[in-house]
Amino acid sequence: MANDAVEFLDYEITDAESYATVLRGADVEISQLEPGPLRGHHLRVGLPSGDISWIVTNLPLRGHGRFPAGVWTLSLVTRTASHSLQHGVEVRPGSLFCHRPSAEHDGIYGRDFSVVCLGMREERFAETVRNEFPELSDRLGERWRVYEPAEDKRRELIAQFEQAATILRTDERVRRSSAAMAVMQDELLAAFLEALAEGITPSHMLALSHAAALVRRAEELARESDGRPLSVGDLCVGCGLPRRTLNHAFQQVRGMGPATYLRRLRLNQVRRSLRQPRANAEPKSVAEIALDHGFWHPGRFSGQYRELFGESPRESVRR
């Protein structure tokens, strides 16, 4: 039986700002954290009771904002080649994380990252938990949680979710069959909730690494700066840490020092300003926007921008 109402999106990811616009219902800012051409795809199949998404990227990205209202987001990491975090908690292939509707989004996605997400409408999710997994009602009360299943369960879940995502991307007949899509959605949701019901210890109940907690605090300070470019010294003062300790924490968690991390965040802010000028604002030149974000050396700024995004600032404006 065909389902003409199914929504299908297979979006090619080539830059962080444009990608943020396809995250339907979410208010999320995406930043690129390492240099090079960004490549990947975002597959989404919309269903009456939610959606299934498969996101693959080659370079580390940072996402911050809010998840959609009225929808639970259940995610399974299927691949990551470097540090990936959810709210400061490290995740790896097979990690599960749940976000309630409108929960804060705070993630670092490492190199060669892949995740399959189930978006379940609140009423459908509540009904499933109530009828089939009542033991999870208390466990799912918080805004977000990360869970770590046993190794054999991890491998089983990764294989099941990646196989489903690959079929969705390549087989239109499956996407257009309401019966097939309903069964796939039910099976993926059941597999996810069964893993949670098997007594998995939420990793946020474990002791967070000291380094991850320090880096998270530093990032909060950067977000609260109201657009003022922060220095590493500002972070040291705000966190009450010597520079050496802060640098070690960033190297351990992000694979780069705090100065590099702050500069790349500022480069992403410049790119957003170039690609998405504010409405009713006085137009500014590339040089003026760079200065607003603390880049005082024009030649060095252009080189750093090209290194990170693979194009010059003026090419970003033209695109």
Protein backbone atom coordinates (compact mmCIF):
# COMPACT_ATOMS: atom_id res chain seq x y z
CA MET A 1 0.00 0.00 0.00
CA ALA A 2 1.52 3.32 -1.03
CA ASN A 3 1.83 6.28 1.29
CA ASP A 4 1.99 9.44 -0.81
CA ALA A 5 2.08 11.60 2.33
CA VAL A 6 5.55 10.38 3.40
CA GLU A 7 8.03 13.24 3.35
CA PHE A 8 11.51 12.40 2.07
CA LEU A 9 14.61 14.57 2.31
CA ASP A 10 18.13 13.54 1.31
CA TYR A 11 20.17 16.68 1.91
CA GLU A 12 23.85 16.98 0.95
CA ILE A 13 25.76 18.76 3.72
CA THR A 14 28.41 21.17 2.41
CA ASP A 15 28.43 23.96 5.00
CA ALA A 16 27.25 24.38 8.57
CA GLU A 17 24.97 27.42 8.15
CA SER A 18 22.89 26.02 5.30
CA TYR A 19 22.65 22.69 7.09
CA ALA A 20 21.08 24.31 10.16
CA THR A 21 18.15 25.45 8.00
CA VAL A 22 17.04 21.88 7.23
CA LEU A 23 16.73 20.84 10.89
CA ARG A 24 12.97 21.17 10.90
CA GLY A 25 11.39 22.26 14.14
CA ALA A 26 14.72 22.65 15.91
CA ASP A 27 16.43 25.91 16.83
CA VAL A 28 20.04 24.82 16.50
CA GLU A 29 23.26 26.65 15.68
CA ILE A 30 25.83 24.49 13.87
CA SER A 31 29.56 25.32 13.90
CA GLN A 32 32.42 23.62 12.06
CA LEU A 33 35.35 22.82 14.39
CA GLU A 34 38.12 21.57 12.08
CA PRO A 35 39.41 22.81 8.71
CA GLY A 36 38.55 21.21 5.42
CA PRO A 37 35.60 20.82 3.06
CA LEU A 38 32.54 19.72 5.03
CA ARG A 39 30.80 16.71 3.51
CA GLY A 40 27.91 14.53 4.58
CA HIS A 41 24.21 13.92 4.24
CA HIS A 42 21.03 14.26 6.26
CA LEU A 43 18.34 11.76 5.38
CA ARG A 44 14.89 12.32 6.83
CA VAL A 45 11.71 10.35 6.24
CA GLY A 46 8.63 11.99 7.74
CA LEU A 47 5.87 9.77 9.09
CA PRO A 48 2.47 10.51 10.67
CA SER A 49 3.80 9.72 14.17
CA GLY A 50 7.30 11.15 13.78
CA ASP A 51 10.31 10.70 11.54
CA ILE A 52 13.51 8.73 11.01
CA SER A 53 16.77 10.57 10.29
CA TRP A 54 20.28 9.47 9.37
CA ILE A 55 23.05 12.05 9.68
CA VAL A 56 26.61 11.47 8.43
CA THR A 57 29.41 14.09 8.53
CA ASN A 58 33.16 13.93 7.93
CA LEU A 59 34.36 16.85 10.11
CA PRO A 60 33.75 17.70 13.78
CA LEU A 61 30.70 19.92 14.31
CA ARG A 62 29.19 21.59 17.32
CA GLY A 63 25.43 21.92 17.72
CA HIS A 64 23.74 24.11 20.29
CA GLY A 65 20.10 25.14 20.64
CA ARG A 66 16.80 23.33 21.28
CA PHE A 67 15.13 20.21 20.01
CA PRO A 68 11.65 20.46 18.46
CA ALA A 69 8.59 20.96 20.64
CA GLY A 70 6.14 18.06 20.95
CA VAL A 71 8.69 15.46 19.81
CA TRP A 72 10.93 13.02 21.70
CA THR A 73 14.31 12.56 19.97
CA LEU A 74 15.93 9.14 20.43
CA SER A 75 19.44 8.85 18.95
CA LEU A 76 21.90 6.01 18.39
CA VAL A 77 25.53 6.76 17.49
CA THR A 78 26.66 4.30 14.83
CA ARG A 79 30.13 5.70 14.13
CA THR A 80 32.60 8.31 15.41
CA ALA A 81 36.36 8.55 14.87
CA SER A 82 37.10 11.18 17.54
CA HIS A 83 35.64 12.72 20.69
CA SER A 84 31.86 13.14 20.54
CA LEU A 85 29.88 14.55 23.46
CA GLN A 86 26.31 15.12 24.58
CA HIS A 87 26.06 17.75 27.32
CA GLY A 88 29.68 17.08 28.23
CA VAL A 89 29.21 13.29 28.38
CA GLU A 90 31.35 11.33 25.94
CA VAL A 91 29.46 9.07 23.53
CA ARG A 92 30.78 6.34 21.26
CA PRO A 93 29.38 3.86 18.73
CA GLY A 94 26.35 2.20 20.29
CA SER A 95 25.64 5.02 22.77
CA LEU A 96 21.96 5.91 23.15
CA PHE A 97 20.70 9.34 24.10
CA CYS A 98 17.17 10.63 24.68
CA HIS A 99 15.96 14.24 24.61
CA ARG A 100 12.53 15.31 25.76
CA PRO A 101 10.54 17.81 23.64
CA SER A 102 12.13 21.28 23.62
CA ALA A 103 15.18 20.01 25.53
CA GLU A 104 18.48 21.83 25.18
CA HIS A 105 20.70 20.63 22.35
CA ASP A 106 24.40 20.64 23.31
CA GLY A 107 26.53 18.28 21.28
CA ILE A 108 30.00 17.84 19.82
CA TYR A 109 30.09 15.45 16.86
CA GLY A 110 33.51 14.03 16.00
CA ARG A 111 35.19 13.14 12.73
CA ASP A 112 33.42 10.61 10.50
CA PHE A 113 30.34 10.79 12.67
CA SER A 114 27.10 8.92 12.00
CA VAL A 115 23.88 8.88 14.02
CA VAL A 116 20.38 7.51 13.42
CA CYS A 117 17.56 9.41 15.15
CA LEU A 118 13.93 8.57 15.81
CA GLY A 119 11.67 11.57 16.24
CA MET A 120 8.52 10.38 18.03
CA ARG A 121 5.50 12.59 18.62
CA GLU A 122 4.88 13.02 22.32
CA GLU A 123 1.52 11.26 22.43
CA ARG A 124 2.79 8.23 20.46
CA PHE A 125 5.91 7.94 22.61
CA ALA A 126 3.94 8.22 25.87
CA GLU A 127 1.47 5.57 24.69
CA THR A 128 4.26 3.13 23.81
CA VAL A 129 6.04 3.59 27.13
CA ARG A 130 2.78 3.33 29.09
CA ASN A 131 1.60 0.17 27.33
CA GLU A 132 4.83 -1.69 26.62
CA PHE A 133 7.61 -0.30 28.84
CA PRO A 134 6.01 1.06 32.02
CA GLU A 135 9.26 0.41 33.92
CA LEU A 136 10.85 3.25 31.92
CA SER A 137 8.41 5.94 33.04
CA ASP A 138 10.57 7.14 35.94
CA ARG A 139 13.84 6.73 34.09
CA LEU A 140 12.74 8.98 31.23
CA GLY A 141 11.64 11.85 33.45
CA GLU A 142 14.69 14.07 32.89
CA ARG A 143 15.29 16.47 30.02
CA TRP A 144 18.07 14.33 28.54
CA ARG A 145 20.03 11.19 29.30
CA VAL A 146 22.85 9.17 27.76
CA TYR A 147 22.86 5.36 28.12
CA GLU A 148 25.63 2.83 27.48
CA PRO A 149 24.45 -0.70 26.59
CA ALA A 150 26.55 -3.84 26.84
CA GLU A 151 28.95 -4.54 23.95
CA ASP A 152 26.88 -7.30 22.35
CA LYS A 153 23.76 -5.11 22.45
CA ARG A 154 25.73 -2.19 20.97
CA ARG A 155 26.77 -4.23 17.95
CA GLU A 156 23.22 -5.51 17.46
CA LEU A 157 21.69 -2.03 17.61
CA ILE A 158 24.28 -0.48 15.27
CA ALA A 159 23.71 -3.18 12.65
CA GLN A 160 19.91 -2.91 12.88
CA PHE A 161 19.75 0.89 12.71
CA GLU A 162 22.36 1.28 9.95
CA GLN A 163 20.67 -1.36 7.83
CA ALA A 164 17.31 0.39 8.19
CA ALA A 165 18.84 3.79 7.35
CA THR A 166 20.61 2.44 4.26
CA ILE A 167 17.42 0.85 2.96
CA LEU A 168 15.50 4.08 3.52
CA ARG A 169 18.06 6.02 1.51
CA THR A 170 18.27 3.59 -1.40
CA ASP A 171 14.87 1.91 -1.75
CA GLU A 172 11.97 4.15 -2.71
CA ARG A 173 9.55 1.24 -2.61
CA VAL A 174 10.08 0.85 1.13
CA ARG A 175 9.67 4.58 1.74
CA ARG A 176 6.37 4.61 -0.14
CA SER A 177 4.88 1.61 1.64
CA SER A 178 2.92 2.71 4.70
CA ALA A 179 2.87 -0.87 5.99
CA ALA A 180 6.64 -1.32 5.67
CA MET A 181 7.37 2.07 7.22
CA ALA A 182 5.04 1.44 10.17
CA VAL A 183 6.73 -1.88 10.93
CA MET A 184 10.22 -0.39 10.58
CA GLN A 185 9.37 2.46 12.93
CA ASP A 186 7.83 0.07 15.48
CA GLU A 187 10.83 -2.27 15.38
CA LEU A 188 13.42 0.50 15.76
CA LEU A 189 11.50 2.11 18.62
CA ALA A 190 11.07 -1.24 20.37
CA ALA A 191 14.78 -2.09 19.99
CA PHE A 192 15.76 1.28 21.43
CA LEU A 193 13.40 1.04 24.43
CA GLU A 194 14.25 -2.61 25.08
CA ALA A 195 17.90 -1.63 25.41
CA LEU A 196 16.95 1.05 27.94
CA ALA A 197 14.76 -1.41 29.86
CA GLU A 198 17.58 -3.93 30.30
CA GLY A 199 19.01 -2.07 33.26
CA ILE A 200 21.50 0.10 31.41
CA THR A 201 23.30 2.51 33.70
CA PRO A 202 22.81 6.10 32.55
CA SER A 203 26.31 7.43 31.93
CA HIS A 204 25.38 10.82 33.39
CA MET A 205 25.06 9.03 36.72
CA LEU A 206 28.71 8.06 36.45
CA ALA A 207 31.38 10.53 37.45
CA LEU A 208 31.97 12.95 34.57
CA SER A 209 35.58 13.40 33.67
CA HIS A 210 37.07 16.51 35.23
CA ALA A 211 38.28 17.73 31.85
CA ALA A 212 34.82 17.48 30.21
CA ALA A 213 33.26 19.45 33.06
CA LEU A 214 35.90 22.20 32.76
CA VAL A 215 35.45 22.49 28.99
CA ARG A 216 31.68 22.64 29.33
CA ARG A 217 31.98 25.51 31.80
CA ALA A 218 34.32 27.36 29.44
CA GLU A 219 31.85 26.92 26.58
CA GLU A 220 29.04 28.29 28.71
CA LEU A 221 31.11 31.41 29.35
CA ALA A 222 31.74 31.79 25.61
CA ARG A 223 28.00 31.53 24.88
CA GLU A 224 27.16 34.11 27.56
CA SER A 225 29.55 36.74 26.21
CA ASP A 226 26.83 38.60 24.22
CA GLY A 227 28.93 38.60 21.08
CA ARG A 228 32.08 40.01 22.73
CA PRO A 229 35.11 38.00 21.60
CA LEU A 230 36.54 36.17 24.60
CA SER A 231 40.19 35.45 25.21
CA VAL A 232 41.70 32.40 26.85
CA GLY A 233 42.43 34.70 29.78
CA ASP A 234 38.71 35.46 30.12
CA LEU A 235 38.02 31.73 30.32
CA CYS A 236 40.75 31.23 32.91
CA VAL A 237 39.26 33.97 35.09
CA GLY A 238 35.69 32.74 34.61
CA CYS A 239 36.60 29.13 35.39
CA GLY A 240 39.11 29.97 38.12
CA LEU A 241 41.81 27.91 36.40
CA PRO A 242 45.40 28.46 35.34
CA ARG A 243 45.99 28.53 31.59
CA ARG A 244 47.94 25.26 31.65
CA THR A 245 45.05 23.36 33.27
CA LEU A 246 42.49 24.80 30.84
CA ASN A 247 44.72 24.02 27.87
CA HIS A 248 45.17 20.42 29.03
CA ALA A 249 41.41 19.99 29.45
CA PHE A 250 40.68 21.29 25.93
CA GLN A 251 43.39 19.13 24.40
CA GLN A 252 41.99 16.07 26.16
CA VAL A 253 38.33 16.70 25.29
CA ARG A 254 38.43 18.68 22.01
CA GLY A 255 41.79 17.72 20.56
CA MET A 256 42.77 21.41 20.29
CA GLY A 257 43.75 24.22 22.60
CA PRO A 258 41.23 26.79 23.89
CA ALA A 259 42.67 29.57 21.69
CA THR A 260 42.13 27.50 18.54
CA TYR A 261 38.67 26.49 19.69
CA LEU A 262 37.61 30.10 20.38
CA ARG A 263 39.03 31.28 17.05
CA ARG A 264 37.10 28.64 15.13
CA LEU A 265 33.89 29.55 16.92
CA ARG A 266 34.46 33.19 15.94
CA LEU A 267 35.15 32.17 12.33
CA ASN A 268 31.81 30.34 12.30
CA GLN A 269 30.12 33.48 13.65
CA VAL A 270 31.68 35.54 10.84
CA ARG A 271 30.48 33.02 8.26
CA ARG A 272 26.93 33.20 9.60
CA SER A 273 27.04 37.01 9.44
CA LEU A 274 28.28 36.90 5.85
CA ARG A 275 25.77 34.31 4.68
CA GLN A 276 22.75 35.51 6.70
CA PRO A 277 22.84 39.29 7.20
CA ARG A 278 20.48 40.62 9.86
CA ALA A 279 17.24 42.10 8.55
CA ASN A 280 16.95 45.91 8.69
CA ALA A 281 20.61 46.19 9.70
CA GLU A 282 23.10 48.50 8.01
CA PRO A 283 25.12 46.43 5.50
CA LYS A 284 28.70 45.81 6.58
CA SER A 285 31.79 44.91 4.61
CA VAL A 286 33.73 41.71 5.16
CA ALA A 287 36.45 43.69 6.91
CA GLU A 288 33.96 45.32 9.30
CA ILE A 289 32.37 41.99 10.20
CA ALA A 290 35.79 40.45 10.78
CA LEU A 291 36.73 43.33 13.08
CA ASP A 292 33.45 42.96 15.01
CA HIS A 293 34.52 39.41 15.83
CA GLY A 294 38.04 40.34 16.87
CA PHE A 295 40.04 39.55 13.72
CA TRP A 296 42.52 42.43 13.52
CA HIS A 297 44.89 41.04 10.85
CA PRO A 298 43.11 40.97 7.44
CA GLY A 299 45.53 38.61 5.73
CA ARG A 300 45.68 36.19 8.62
CA PHE A 301 41.89 36.26 8.96
CA SER A 302 41.42 35.41 5.28
CA GLY A 303 43.89 32.54 5.50
CA GLN A 304 42.29 31.11 8.64
CA TYR A 305 38.84 31.44 7.09
CA ARG A 306 39.89 29.68 3.88
CA GLU A 307 41.67 26.94 5.83
CA LEU A 308 38.53 26.15 7.85
CA PHE A 309 35.85 26.50 5.15
CA GLY A 310 37.73 25.93 1.88
CA GLU A 311 36.70 29.30 0.41
CA SER A 312 37.41 32.98 0.90
CA PRO A 313 35.06 35.28 2.86
CA ARG A 314 34.05 37.03 -0.37
CA GLU A 315 33.20 33.70 -1.97
CA SER A 316 30.91 33.00 1.00
CA VAL A 317 29.13 36.29 0.39
CA ARG A 318 28.66 35.53 -3.31
CA ARG A 319 27.30 32.04 -2.54
